[in-house]
Amino acid sequence: MSGGQNAIEAADKIYLAAIDKFEAMMGINRRYAPGAMLNWGFALKERSRLRPANSTERISLLQQAKQLFMDALRLQPDDAKIQSAFVTCNLELKELNERQEISSKSEKSFFRKRRSK
């Protein structure tokens, strides 16, 4: 296993531990819920960056983060930090989806050209 892969696995474990802590915070007291959801979303968003750019796992992690930001916004709709987290996560998801669509279209085009020869 390479040093880079070891670092990714170590970082992944740290994010998973943080996620467990934020989840536990939600059970302690509901007033901590918006902050816990925000930080949990941040951990998922950062964890997604450990995955390949167009992987379904990366998109899934970002979708989970977006949902947590939405839930936090329902509890604190005027919180600028939560609003910003939601917007940036949503933009990142849109960008990844657009890249996947472009990649998919170019692959289809490539195979159509090969078949027609």
PDB file of N, CA and C in Angstrom:
ATOM      1  N   MET A   1       0.843  -1.172   0.000  1.00  0.00           N
ATOM      2  CA  MET A   1       0.000   0.000   0.000  1.00  0.00           C
ATOM      3  C   MET A   1       0.893   1.242   0.000  1.00  0.00           C
ATOM      4  N   SER A   2       0.558   2.231  -0.821  1.00  0.00           N
ATOM      5  CA  SER A   2       1.394   3.426  -0.944  1.00  0.00           C
ATOM      6  C   SER A   2       1.156   4.378   0.215  1.00  0.00           C
ATOM      7  N   GLY A   3       2.094   5.309   0.386  1.00  0.00           N
ATOM      8  CA  GLY A   3       1.971   6.321   1.431  1.00  0.00           C
ATOM      9  C   GLY A   3       0.741   7.173   1.253  1.00  0.00           C
ATOM     10  N   GLY A   4       0.423   7.491  -0.012  1.00  0.00           N
ATOM     11  CA  GLY A   4      -0.768   8.290  -0.296  1.00  0.00           C
ATOM     12  C   GLY A   4      -2.036   7.567   0.101  1.00  0.00           C
ATOM     13  N   GLN A   5      -2.086   6.277  -0.184  1.00  0.00           N
ATOM     14  CA  GLN A   5      -3.263   5.478   0.175  1.00  0.00           C
ATOM     15  C   GLN A   5      -3.386   5.379   1.691  1.00  0.00           C
ATOM     16  N   ASN A   6      -2.259   5.225   2.392  1.00  0.00           N
ATOM     17  CA  ASN A   6      -2.284   5.178   3.856  1.00  0.00           C
ATOM     18  C   ASN A   6      -2.823   6.480   4.426  1.00  0.00           C
ATOM     19  N   ALA A   7      -2.408   7.601   3.844  1.00  0.00           N
ATOM     20  CA  ALA A   7      -2.881   8.905   4.314  1.00  0.00           C
ATOM     21  C   ALA A   7      -4.382   9.050   4.086  1.00  0.00           C
ATOM     22  N   ILE A   8      -4.854   8.578   2.952  1.00  0.00           N
ATOM     23  CA  ILE A   8      -6.294   8.647   2.655  1.00  0.00           C
ATOM     24  C   ILE A   8      -7.074   7.807   3.663  1.00  0.00           C
ATOM     25  N   GLU A   9      -6.596   6.608   3.942  1.00  0.00           N
ATOM     26  CA  GLU A   9      -7.284   5.744   4.893  1.00  0.00           C
ATOM     27  C   GLU A   9      -7.264   6.336   6.297  1.00  0.00           C
ATOM     28  N   ALA A  10      -6.149   6.949   6.685  1.00  0.00           N
ATOM     29  CA  ALA A  10      -6.057   7.581   8.007  1.00  0.00           C
ATOM     30  C   ALA A  10      -7.023   8.760   8.097  1.00  0.00           C
ATOM     31  N   ALA A  11      -7.071   9.570   7.051  1.00  0.00           N
ATOM     32  CA  ALA A  11      -7.993  10.708   7.033  1.00  0.00           C
ATOM     33  C   ALA A  11      -9.439  10.230   7.071  1.00  0.00           C
ATOM     34  N   ASP A  12      -9.730   9.175   6.345  1.00  0.00           N
ATOM     35  CA  ASP A  12     -11.084   8.617   6.323  1.00  0.00           C
ATOM     36  C   ASP A  12     -11.508   8.198   7.731  1.00  0.00           C
ATOM     37  N   LYS A  13     -10.604   7.554   8.467  1.00  0.00           N
ATOM     38  CA  LYS A  13     -10.905   7.136   9.843  1.00  0.00           C
ATOM     39  C   LYS A  13     -11.177   8.336  10.738  1.00  0.00           C
ATOM     40  N   ILE A  14     -10.425   9.408  10.544  1.00  0.00           N
ATOM     41  CA  ILE A  14     -10.627  10.623  11.344  1.00  0.00           C
ATOM     42  C   ILE A  14     -12.002  11.214  11.055  1.00  0.00           C
ATOM     43  N   TYR A  15     -12.375  11.289   9.776  1.00  0.00           N
ATOM     44  CA  TYR A  15     -13.691  11.816   9.424  1.00  0.00           C
ATOM     45  C   TYR A  15     -14.803  10.940   9.989  1.00  0.00           C
ATOM     46  N   LEU A  16     -14.631   9.622   9.927  1.00  0.00           N
ATOM     47  CA  LEU A  16     -15.652   8.726  10.479  1.00  0.00           C
ATOM     48  C   LEU A  16     -15.799   8.909  11.990  1.00  0.00           C
ATOM     49  N   ALA A  17     -14.688   9.102  12.690  1.00  0.00           N
ATOM     50  CA  ALA A  17     -14.744   9.339  14.135  1.00  0.00           C
ATOM     51  C   ALA A  17     -15.458  10.659  14.427  1.00  0.00           C
ATOM     52  N   ALA A  18     -15.155  11.686  13.632  1.00  0.00           N
ATOM     53  CA  ALA A  18     -15.825  12.980  13.815  1.00  0.00           C
ATOM     54  C   ALA A  18     -17.320  12.857  13.564  1.00  0.00           C
ATOM     55  N   ILE A  19     -17.690  12.132  12.527  1.00  0.00           N
ATOM     56  CA  ILE A  19     -19.103  11.928  12.205  1.00  0.00           C
ATOM     57  C   ILE A  19     -19.817  11.255  13.374  1.00  0.00           C
ATOM     58  N   ASP A  20     -19.182  10.258  13.981  1.00  0.00           N
ATOM     59  CA  ASP A  20     -19.769   9.588  15.150  1.00  0.00           C
ATOM     60  C   ASP A  20     -19.991  10.570  16.292  1.00  0.00           C
ATOM     61  N   LYS A  21     -19.042  11.460  16.507  1.00  0.00           N
ATOM     62  CA  LYS A  21     -19.153  12.460  17.580  1.00  0.00           C
ATOM     63  C   LYS A  21     -20.307  13.421  17.305  1.00  0.00           C
ATOM     64  N   PHE A  22     -20.438  13.881  16.054  1.00  0.00           N
ATOM     65  CA  PHE A  22     -21.514  14.817  15.737  1.00  0.00           C
ATOM     66  C   PHE A  22     -22.876  14.139  15.876  1.00  0.00           C
ATOM     67  N   GLU A  23     -22.933  12.871  15.494  1.00  0.00           N
ATOM     68  CA  GLU A  23     -24.173  12.120  15.638  1.00  0.00           C
ATOM     69  C   GLU A  23     -24.524  11.975  17.119  1.00  0.00           C
ATOM     70  N   ALA A  24     -23.520  11.714  17.956  1.00  0.00           N
ATOM     71  CA  ALA A  24     -23.742  11.578  19.401  1.00  0.00           C
ATOM     72  C   ALA A  24     -24.213  12.906  20.005  1.00  0.00           C
ATOM     73  N   MET A  25     -23.668  14.019  19.517  1.00  0.00           N
ATOM     74  CA  MET A  25     -24.072  15.347  20.011  1.00  0.00           C
ATOM     75  C   MET A  25     -25.566  15.575  19.809  1.00  0.00           C
ATOM     76  N   MET A  26     -26.099  15.061  18.733  1.00  0.00           N
ATOM     77  CA  MET A  26     -27.515  15.249  18.438  1.00  0.00           C
ATOM     78  C   MET A  26     -28.377  14.577  19.510  1.00  0.00           C
ATOM     79  N   GLY A  27     -27.893  13.477  20.057  1.00  0.00           N
ATOM     80  CA  GLY A  27     -28.655  12.758  21.070  1.00  0.00           C
ATOM     81  C   GLY A  27     -28.536  13.369  22.456  1.00  0.00           C
ATOM     82  N   ILE A  28     -27.519  14.185  22.686  1.00  0.00           N
ATOM     83  CA  ILE A  28     -27.303  14.777  24.010  1.00  0.00           C
ATOM     84  C   ILE A  28     -28.318  15.880  24.295  1.00  0.00           C
ATOM     85  N   ASN A  29     -28.436  16.807  23.348  1.00  0.00           N
ATOM     86  CA  ASN A  29     -29.329  17.942  23.559  1.00  0.00           C
ATOM     87  C   ASN A  29     -29.721  18.506  22.197  1.00  0.00           C
ATOM     88  N   ARG A  30     -31.008  18.685  21.973  1.00  0.00           N
ATOM     89  CA  ARG A  30     -31.499  19.162  20.668  1.00  0.00           C
ATOM     90  C   ARG A  30     -30.978  20.557  20.315  1.00  0.00           C
ATOM     91  N   ARG A  31     -30.605  21.352  21.309  1.00  0.00           N
ATOM     92  CA  ARG A  31     -30.118  22.693  20.969  1.00  0.00           C
ATOM     93  C   ARG A  31     -28.760  22.631  20.265  1.00  0.00           C
ATOM     94  N   TYR A  32     -28.082  21.501  20.396  1.00  0.00           N
ATOM     95  CA  TYR A  32     -26.808  21.315  19.685  1.00  0.00           C
ATOM     96  C   TYR A  32     -27.014  20.823  18.260  1.00  0.00           C
ATOM     97  N   ALA A  33     -28.232  20.465  17.926  1.00  0.00           N
ATOM     98  CA  ALA A  33     -28.516  19.820  16.638  1.00  0.00           C
ATOM     99  C   ALA A  33     -28.056  20.636  15.425  1.00  0.00           C
ATOM    100  N   PRO A  34     -28.376  21.930  15.311  1.00  0.00           N
ATOM    101  CA  PRO A  34     -27.942  22.650  14.100  1.00  0.00           C
ATOM    102  C   PRO A  34     -26.422  22.659  13.923  1.00  0.00           C
ATOM    103  N   GLY A  35     -25.691  22.913  14.998  1.00  0.00           N
ATOM    104  CA  GLY A  35     -24.230  22.916  14.917  1.00  0.00           C
ATOM    105  C   GLY A  35     -23.662  21.541  14.622  1.00  0.00           C
ATOM    106  N   ALA A  36     -24.276  20.525  15.241  1.00  0.00           N
ATOM    107  CA  ALA A  36     -23.827  19.150  14.993  1.00  0.00           C
ATOM    108  C   ALA A  36     -24.082  18.762  13.539  1.00  0.00           C
ATOM    109  N   MET A  37     -25.257  19.135  13.020  1.00  0.00           N
ATOM    110  CA  MET A  37     -25.575  18.831  11.618  1.00  0.00           C
ATOM    111  C   MET A  37     -24.621  19.554  10.673  1.00  0.00           C
ATOM    112  N   LEU A  38     -24.331  20.809  10.984  1.00  0.00           N
ATOM    113  CA  LEU A  38     -23.410  21.587  10.156  1.00  0.00           C
ATOM    114  C   LEU A  38     -22.033  20.923  10.122  1.00  0.00           C
ATOM    115  N   ASN A  39     -21.508  20.595  11.295  1.00  0.00           N
ATOM    116  CA  ASN A  39     -20.174  19.981  11.354  1.00  0.00           C
ATOM    117  C   ASN A  39     -20.157  18.578  10.764  1.00  0.00           C
ATOM    118  N   TRP A  40     -21.226  17.842  10.943  1.00  0.00           N
ATOM    119  CA  TRP A  40     -21.359  16.515  10.350  1.00  0.00           C
ATOM    120  C   TRP A  40     -21.346  16.651   8.831  1.00  0.00           C
ATOM    121  N   GLY A  41     -22.090  17.631   8.322  1.00  0.00           N
ATOM    122  CA  GLY A  41     -22.100  17.883   6.879  1.00  0.00           C
ATOM    123  C   GLY A  41     -20.713  18.250   6.359  1.00  0.00           C
ATOM    124  N   PHE A  42     -20.002  19.103   7.126  1.00  0.00           N
ATOM    125  CA  PHE A  42     -18.634  19.473   6.722  1.00  0.00           C
ATOM    126  C   PHE A  42     -17.739  18.235   6.666  1.00  0.00           C
ATOM    127  N   ALA A  43     -17.877  17.354   7.662  1.00  0.00           N
ATOM    128  CA  ALA A  43     -17.045  16.141   7.689  1.00  0.00           C
ATOM    129  C   ALA A  43     -17.346  15.254   6.478  1.00  0.00           C
ATOM    130  N   LEU A  44     -18.632  15.115   6.139  1.00  0.00           N
ATOM    131  CA  LEU A  44     -18.992  14.314   4.961  1.00  0.00           C
ATOM    132  C   LEU A  44     -18.462  14.952   3.677  1.00  0.00           C
ATOM    133  N   LYS A  45     -18.576  16.273   3.605  1.00  0.00           N
ATOM    134  CA  LYS A  45     -18.103  16.983   2.415  1.00  0.00           C
ATOM    135  C   LYS A  45     -16.596  16.797   2.240  1.00  0.00           C
ATOM    136  N   GLU A  46     -15.866  16.945   3.330  1.00  0.00           N
ATOM    137  CA  GLU A  46     -14.411  16.756   3.254  1.00  0.00           C
ATOM    138  C   GLU A  46     -14.063  15.303   2.968  1.00  0.00           C
ATOM    139  N   ARG A  47     -14.807  14.386   3.561  1.00  0.00           N
ATOM    140  CA  ARG A  47     -14.574  12.953   3.314  1.00  0.00           C
ATOM    141  C   ARG A  47     -14.798  12.620   1.845  1.00  0.00           C
ATOM    142  N   SER A  48     -15.748  13.307   1.209  1.00  0.00           N
ATOM    143  CA  SER A  48     -16.028  13.052  -0.212  1.00  0.00           C
ATOM    144  C   SER A  48     -14.809  13.358  -1.072  1.00  0.00           C
ATOM    145  N   ARG A  49     -13.993  14.287  -0.619  1.00  0.00           N
ATOM    146  CA  ARG A  49     -12.811  14.676  -1.396  1.00  0.00           C
ATOM    147  C   ARG A  49     -11.721  13.608  -1.386  1.00  0.00           C
ATOM    148  N   LEU A  50     -11.899  12.602  -0.546  1.00  0.00           N
ATOM    149  CA  LEU A  50     -10.959  11.478  -0.527  1.00  0.00           C
ATOM    150  C   LEU A  50     -11.304  10.447  -1.597  1.00  0.00           C
ATOM    151  N   ARG A  51     -12.431  10.654  -2.275  1.00  0.00           N
ATOM    152  CA  ARG A  51     -12.903   9.731  -3.293  1.00  0.00           C
ATOM    153  C   ARG A  51     -12.595  10.277  -4.685  1.00  0.00           C
ATOM    154  N   PRO A  52     -12.519   9.400  -5.693  1.00  0.00           N
ATOM    155  CA  PRO A  52     -12.307   9.876  -7.064  1.00  0.00           C
ATOM    156  C   PRO A  52     -13.395  10.872  -7.476  1.00  0.00           C
ATOM    157  N   ALA A  53     -13.023  11.823  -8.314  1.00  0.00           N
ATOM    158  CA  ALA A  53     -13.889  12.951  -8.667  1.00  0.00           C
ATOM    159  C   ALA A  53     -15.277  12.554  -9.139  1.00  0.00           C
ATOM    160  N   ASN A  54     -15.389  11.581 -10.002  1.00  0.00           N
ATOM    161  CA  ASN A  54     -16.699  11.237 -10.556  1.00  0.00           C
ATOM    162  C   ASN A  54     -17.299   9.967  -9.968  1.00  0.00           C
ATOM    163  N   SER A  55     -16.811   9.558  -8.808  1.00  0.00           N
ATOM    164  CA  SER A  55     -17.324   8.309  -8.233  1.00  0.00           C
ATOM    165  C   SER A  55     -18.708   8.511  -7.631  1.00  0.00           C
ATOM    166  N   THR A  56     -19.493   7.460  -7.662  1.00  0.00           N
ATOM    167  CA  THR A  56     -20.831   7.529  -7.065  1.00  0.00           C
ATOM    168  C   THR A  56     -20.736   7.707  -5.552  1.00  0.00           C
ATOM    169  N   GLU A  57     -19.683   7.180  -4.938  1.00  0.00           N
ATOM    170  CA  GLU A  57     -19.510   7.335  -3.491  1.00  0.00           C
ATOM    171  C   GLU A  57     -19.290   8.805  -3.139  1.00  0.00           C
ATOM    172  N   ARG A  58     -18.513   9.510  -3.953  1.00  0.00           N
ATOM    173  CA  ARG A  58     -18.279  10.934  -3.688  1.00  0.00           C
ATOM    174  C   ARG A  58     -19.598  11.711  -3.782  1.00  0.00           C
ATOM    175  N   ILE A  59     -20.355  11.422  -4.809  1.00  0.00           N
ATOM    176  CA  ILE A  59     -21.638  12.108  -4.991  1.00  0.00           C
ATOM    177  C   ILE A  59     -22.585  11.766  -3.840  1.00  0.00           C
ATOM    178  N   SER A  60     -22.598  10.518  -3.425  1.00  0.00           N
ATOM    179  CA  SER A  60     -23.457  10.102  -2.319  1.00  0.00           C
ATOM    180  C   SER A  60     -23.095  10.831  -1.025  1.00  0.00           C
ATOM    181  N   LEU A  61     -21.807  10.965  -0.745  1.00  0.00           N
ATOM    182  CA  LEU A  61     -21.373  11.682   0.459  1.00  0.00           C
ATOM    183  C   LEU A  61     -21.788  13.153   0.397  1.00  0.00           C
ATOM    184  N   LEU A  62     -21.664  13.752  -0.776  1.00  0.00           N
ATOM    185  CA  LEU A  62     -22.072  15.150  -0.931  1.00  0.00           C
ATOM    186  C   LEU A  62     -23.585  15.305  -0.793  1.00  0.00           C
ATOM    187  N   GLN A  63     -24.327  14.350  -1.295  1.00  0.00           N
ATOM    188  CA  GLN A  63     -25.787  14.399  -1.147  1.00  0.00           C
ATOM    189  C   GLN A  63     -26.190  14.288   0.327  1.00  0.00           C
ATOM    190  N   GLN A  64     -25.487  13.437   1.075  1.00  0.00           N
ATOM    191  CA  GLN A  64     -25.754  13.316   2.511  1.00  0.00           C
ATOM    192  C   GLN A  64     -25.426  14.629   3.225  1.00  0.00           C
ATOM    193  N   ALA A  65     -24.305  15.242   2.849  1.00  0.00           N
ATOM    194  CA  ALA A  65     -23.920  16.522   3.449  1.00  0.00           C
ATOM    195  C   ALA A  65     -24.967  17.587   3.142  1.00  0.00           C
ATOM    196  N   LYS A  66     -25.407  17.638   1.903  1.00  0.00           N
ATOM    197  CA  LYS A  66     -26.426  18.612   1.501  1.00  0.00           C
ATOM    198  C   LYS A  66     -27.697  18.431   2.330  1.00  0.00           C
ATOM    199  N   GLN A  67     -28.097  17.190   2.549  1.00  0.00           N
ATOM    200  CA  GLN A  67     -29.297  16.924   3.343  1.00  0.00           C
ATOM    201  C   GLN A  67     -29.125  17.408   4.776  1.00  0.00           C
ATOM    202  N   LEU A  68     -27.948  17.189   5.350  1.00  0.00           N
ATOM    203  CA  LEU A  68     -27.692  17.667   6.714  1.00  0.00           C
ATOM    204  C   LEU A  68     -27.736  19.195   6.770  1.00  0.00           C
ATOM    205  N   PHE A  69     -27.168  19.860   5.761  1.00  0.00           N
ATOM    206  CA  PHE A  69     -27.217  21.321   5.732  1.00  0.00           C
ATOM    207  C   PHE A  69     -28.658  21.800   5.613  1.00  0.00           C
ATOM    208  N   MET A  70     -29.470  21.108   4.814  1.00  0.00           N
ATOM    209  CA  MET A  70     -30.887  21.461   4.672  1.00  0.00           C
ATOM    210  C   MET A  70     -31.620  21.288   6.005  1.00  0.00           C
ATOM    211  N   ASP A  71     -31.337  20.192   6.691  1.00  0.00           N
ATOM    212  CA  ASP A  71     -31.972  19.945   7.986  1.00  0.00           C
ATOM    213  C   ASP A  71     -31.566  21.013   9.005  1.00  0.00           C
ATOM    214  N   ALA A  72     -30.299  21.390   8.991  1.00  0.00           N
ATOM    215  CA  ALA A  72     -29.823  22.438   9.900  1.00  0.00           C
ATOM    216  C   ALA A  72     -30.481  23.777   9.571  1.00  0.00           C
ATOM    217  N   LEU A  73     -30.679  24.037   8.285  1.00  0.00           N
ATOM    218  CA  LEU A  73     -31.350  25.276   7.876  1.00  0.00           C
ATOM    219  C   LEU A  73     -32.800  25.316   8.350  1.00  0.00           C
ATOM    220  N   ARG A  74     -33.444  24.174   8.381  1.00  0.00           N
ATOM    221  CA  ARG A  74     -34.826  24.140   8.876  1.00  0.00           C
ATOM    222  C   ARG A  74     -34.883  24.567  10.346  1.00  0.00           C
ATOM    223  N   LEU A  75     -33.832  24.223  11.097  1.00  0.00           N
ATOM    224  CA  LEU A  75     -33.790  24.567  12.514  1.00  0.00           C
ATOM    225  C   LEU A  75     -33.302  25.997  12.751  1.00  0.00           C
ATOM    226  N   GLN A  76     -32.384  26.466  11.887  1.00  0.00           N
ATOM    227  CA  GLN A  76     -31.837  27.821  12.012  1.00  0.00           C
ATOM    228  C   GLN A  76     -31.745  28.462  10.623  1.00  0.00           C
ATOM    229  N   PRO A  77     -32.882  28.893  10.086  1.00  0.00           N
ATOM    230  CA  PRO A  77     -32.912  29.391   8.707  1.00  0.00           C
ATOM    231  C   PRO A  77     -32.118  30.676   8.470  1.00  0.00           C
ATOM    232  N   ASP A  78     -31.820  31.431   9.509  1.00  0.00           N
ATOM    233  CA  ASP A  78     -31.099  32.694   9.329  1.00  0.00           C
ATOM    234  C   ASP A  78     -29.594  32.576   9.555  1.00  0.00           C
ATOM    235  N   ASP A  79     -29.102  31.378   9.792  1.00  0.00           N
ATOM    236  CA  ASP A  79     -27.676  31.176  10.071  1.00  0.00           C
ATOM    237  C   ASP A  79     -26.876  31.249   8.769  1.00  0.00           C
ATOM    238  N   ALA A  80     -26.044  32.289   8.650  1.00  0.00           N
ATOM    239  CA  ALA A  80     -25.276  32.520   7.416  1.00  0.00           C
ATOM    240  C   ALA A  80     -24.280  31.399   7.137  1.00  0.00           C
ATOM    241  N   LYS A  81     -23.688  30.837   8.169  1.00  0.00           N
ATOM    242  CA  LYS A  81     -22.708  29.759   7.978  1.00  0.00           C
ATOM    243  C   LYS A  81     -23.378  28.517   7.392  1.00  0.00           C
ATOM    244  N   ILE A  82     -24.567  28.205   7.892  1.00  0.00           N
ATOM    245  CA  ILE A  82     -25.298  27.047   7.384  1.00  0.00           C
ATOM    246  C   ILE A  82     -25.757  27.316   5.952  1.00  0.00           C
ATOM    247  N   GLN A  83     -26.242  28.523   5.692  1.00  0.00           N
ATOM    248  CA  GLN A  83     -26.671  28.888   4.339  1.00  0.00           C
ATOM    249  C   GLN A  83     -25.520  28.742   3.352  1.00  0.00           C
ATOM    250  N   SER A  84     -24.351  29.250   3.732  1.00  0.00           N
ATOM    251  CA  SER A  84     -23.177  29.171   2.867  1.00  0.00           C
ATOM    252  C   SER A  84     -22.761  27.719   2.619  1.00  0.00           C
ATOM    253  N   ALA A  85     -22.790  26.913   3.664  1.00  0.00           N
ATOM    254  CA  ALA A  85     -22.424  25.494   3.523  1.00  0.00           C
ATOM    255  C   ALA A  85     -23.365  24.799   2.553  1.00  0.00           C
ATOM    256  N   PHE A  86     -24.659  25.089   2.665  1.00  0.00           N
ATOM    257  CA  PHE A  86     -25.643  24.484   1.776  1.00  0.00           C
ATOM    258  C   PHE A  86     -25.389  24.897   0.331  1.00  0.00           C
ATOM    259  N   VAL A  87     -25.185  26.188   0.110  1.00  0.00           N
ATOM    260  CA  VAL A  87     -24.987  26.699  -1.255  1.00  0.00           C
ATOM    261  C   VAL A  87     -23.731  26.112  -1.876  1.00  0.00           C
ATOM    262  N   THR A  88     -22.624  26.097  -1.151  1.00  0.00           N
ATOM    263  CA  THR A  88     -21.377  25.584  -1.734  1.00  0.00           C
ATOM    264  C   THR A  88     -21.458  24.086  -2.002  1.00  0.00           C
ATOM    265  N   CYS A  89     -22.123  23.353  -1.121  1.00  0.00           N
ATOM    266  CA  CYS A  89     -22.279  21.912  -1.334  1.00  0.00           C
ATOM    267  C   CYS A  89     -23.147  21.658  -2.565  1.00  0.00           C
ATOM    268  N   ASN A  90     -24.211  22.416  -2.685  1.00  0.00           N
ATOM    269  CA  ASN A  90     -25.108  22.275  -3.824  1.00  0.00           C
ATOM    270  C   ASN A  90     -24.370  22.584  -5.128  1.00  0.00           C
ATOM    271  N   LEU A  91     -23.549  23.624  -5.133  1.00  0.00           N
ATOM    272  CA  LEU A  91     -22.771  23.966  -6.329  1.00  0.00           C
ATOM    273  C   LEU A  91     -21.785  22.863  -6.690  1.00  0.00           C
ATOM    274  N   GLU A  92     -21.146  22.308  -5.672  1.00  0.00           N
ATOM    275  CA  GLU A  92     -20.191  21.224  -5.924  1.00  0.00           C
ATOM    276  C   GLU A  92     -20.897  20.010  -6.528  1.00  0.00           C
ATOM    277  N   LEU A  93     -22.069  19.689  -6.007  1.00  0.00           N
ATOM    278  CA  LEU A  93     -22.846  18.571  -6.559  1.00  0.00           C
ATOM    279  C   LEU A  93     -23.243  18.840  -8.007  1.00  0.00           C
ATOM    280  N   LYS A  94     -23.702  20.043  -8.299  1.00  0.00           N
ATOM    281  CA  LYS A  94     -24.088  20.383  -9.669  1.00  0.00           C
ATOM    282  C   LYS A  94     -22.899  20.264 -10.613  1.00  0.00           C
ATOM    283  N   GLU A  95     -21.747  20.746 -10.163  1.00  0.00           N
ATOM    284  CA  GLU A  95     -20.539  20.665 -10.994  1.00  0.00           C
ATOM    285  C   GLU A  95     -20.164  19.218 -11.282  1.00  0.00           C
ATOM    286  N   LEU A  96     -20.213  18.372 -10.266  1.00  0.00           N
ATOM    287  CA  LEU A  96     -19.889  16.948 -10.463  1.00  0.00           C
ATOM    288  C   LEU A  96     -20.896  16.288 -11.408  1.00  0.00           C
ATOM    289  N   ASN A  97     -22.169  16.605 -11.231  1.00  0.00           N
ATOM    290  CA  ASN A  97     -23.190  16.033 -12.114  1.00  0.00           C
ATOM    291  C   ASN A  97     -22.994  16.487 -13.558  1.00  0.00           C
ATOM    292  N   GLU A  98     -22.639  17.748 -13.751  1.00  0.00           N
ATOM    293  CA  GLU A  98     -22.387  18.254 -15.102  1.00  0.00           C
ATOM    294  C   GLU A  98     -21.190  17.543 -15.727  1.00  0.00           C
ATOM    295  N   ARG A  99     -20.136  17.341 -14.923  1.00  0.00           N
ATOM    296  CA  ARG A  99     -18.956  16.623 -15.429  1.00  0.00           C
ATOM    297  C   ARG A  99     -19.305  15.200 -15.827  1.00  0.00           C
ATOM    298  N   GLN A 100     -20.139  14.561 -15.011  1.00  0.00           N
ATOM    299  CA  GLN A 100     -20.550  13.188 -15.340  1.00  0.00           C
ATOM    300  C   GLN A 100     -21.345  13.164 -16.632  1.00  0.00           C
ATOM    301  N   GLU A 101     -22.237  14.126 -16.823  1.00  0.00           N
ATOM    302  CA  GLU A 101     -23.034  14.179 -18.049  1.00  0.00           C
ATOM    303  C   GLU A 101     -22.137  14.382 -19.269  1.00  0.00           C
ATOM    304  N   ILE A 102     -21.175  15.292 -19.161  1.00  0.00           N
ATOM    305  CA  ILE A 102     -20.256  15.559 -20.270  1.00  0.00           C
ATOM    306  C   ILE A 102     -19.439  14.307 -20.570  1.00  0.00           C
ATOM    307  N   SER A 103     -18.947  13.664 -19.523  1.00  0.00           N
ATOM    308  CA  SER A 103     -18.148  12.445 -19.699  1.00  0.00           C
ATOM    309  C   SER A 103     -18.981  11.342 -20.341  1.00  0.00           C
ATOM    310  N   SER A 104     -20.203  11.203 -19.889  1.00  0.00           N
ATOM    311  CA  SER A 104     -21.088  10.180 -20.442  1.00  0.00           C
ATOM    312  C   SER A 104     -21.395  10.448 -21.909  1.00  0.00           C
ATOM    313  N   LYS A 105     -21.657  11.701 -22.252  1.00  0.00           N
ATOM    314  CA  LYS A 105     -21.945  12.057 -23.644  1.00  0.00           C
ATOM    315  C   LYS A 105     -20.736  11.811 -24.537  1.00  0.00           C
ATOM    316  N   SER A 106     -19.543  12.155 -24.050  1.00  0.00           N
ATOM    317  CA  SER A 106     -18.357  11.956 -24.885  1.00  0.00           C
ATOM    318  C   SER A 106     -18.065  10.472 -25.080  1.00  0.00           C
ATOM    319  N   GLU A 107     -18.331   9.647 -24.051  1.00  0.00           N
ATOM    320  CA  GLU A 107     -18.147   8.199 -24.199  1.00  0.00           C
ATOM    321  C   GLU A 107     -19.123   7.642 -25.235  1.00  0.00           C
ATOM    322  N   LYS A 108     -20.378   8.059 -25.160  1.00  0.00           N
ATOM    323  CA  LYS A 108     -21.376   7.581 -26.118  1.00  0.00           C
ATOM    324  C   LYS A 108     -21.000   7.992 -27.531  1.00  0.00           C
ATOM    325  N   SER A 109     -20.536   9.214 -27.675  1.00  0.00           N
ATOM    326  CA  SER A 109     -20.123   9.712 -28.983  1.00  0.00           C
ATOM    327  C   SER A 109     -18.945   8.902 -29.519  1.00  0.00           C
ATOM    328  N   PHE A 110     -18.003   8.613 -28.653  1.00  0.00           N
ATOM    329  CA  PHE A 110     -16.824   7.839 -29.038  1.00  0.00           C
ATOM    330  C   PHE A 110     -17.237   6.456 -29.543  1.00  0.00           C
ATOM    331  N   PHE A 111     -18.138   5.774 -28.813  1.00  0.00           N
ATOM    332  CA  PHE A 111     -18.546   4.428 -29.205  1.00  0.00           C
ATOM    333  C   PHE A 111     -19.395   4.450 -30.467  1.00  0.00           C
ATOM    334  N   ARG A 112     -20.210   5.491 -30.661  1.00  0.00           N
ATOM    335  CA  ARG A 112     -20.994   5.600 -31.899  1.00  0.00           C
ATOM    336  C   ARG A 112     -20.072   5.753 -33.093  1.00  0.00           C
ATOM    337  N   LYS A 113     -19.025   6.550 -32.947  1.00  0.00           N
ATOM    338  CA  LYS A 113     -18.065   6.761 -34.044  1.00  0.00           C
ATOM    339  C   LYS A 113     -17.346   5.462 -34.367  1.00  0.00           C
ATOM    340  N   ARG A 114     -16.997   4.709 -33.332  1.00  0.00           N
ATOM    341  CA  ARG A 114     -16.277   3.438 -33.551  1.00  0.00           C
ATOM    342  C   ARG A 114     -17.155   2.427 -34.250  1.00  0.00           C
ATOM    343  N   ARG A 115     -18.431   2.396 -33.905  1.00  0.00           N
ATOM    344  CA  ARG A 115     -19.350   1.440 -34.536  1.00  0.00           C
ATOM    345  C   ARG A 115     -19.599   1.789 -35.981  1.00  0.00           C
ATOM    346  N   SER A 116     -19.591   3.069 -36.316  1.00  0.00           N
ATOM    347  CA  SER A 116     -19.904   3.473 -37.678  1.00  0.00           C
ATOM    348  C   SER A 116     -18.749   3.252 -38.636  1.00  0.00           C
ATOM    349  N   LYS A 117     -17.580   2.950 -38.132  1.00  0.00           N
ATOM    350  CA  LYS A 117     -16.407   2.721 -39.013  1.00  0.00           C
ATOM    351  C   LYS A 117     -16.395   1.334 -39.583  1.00  0.00           C
TER     352      LYS A 117
END
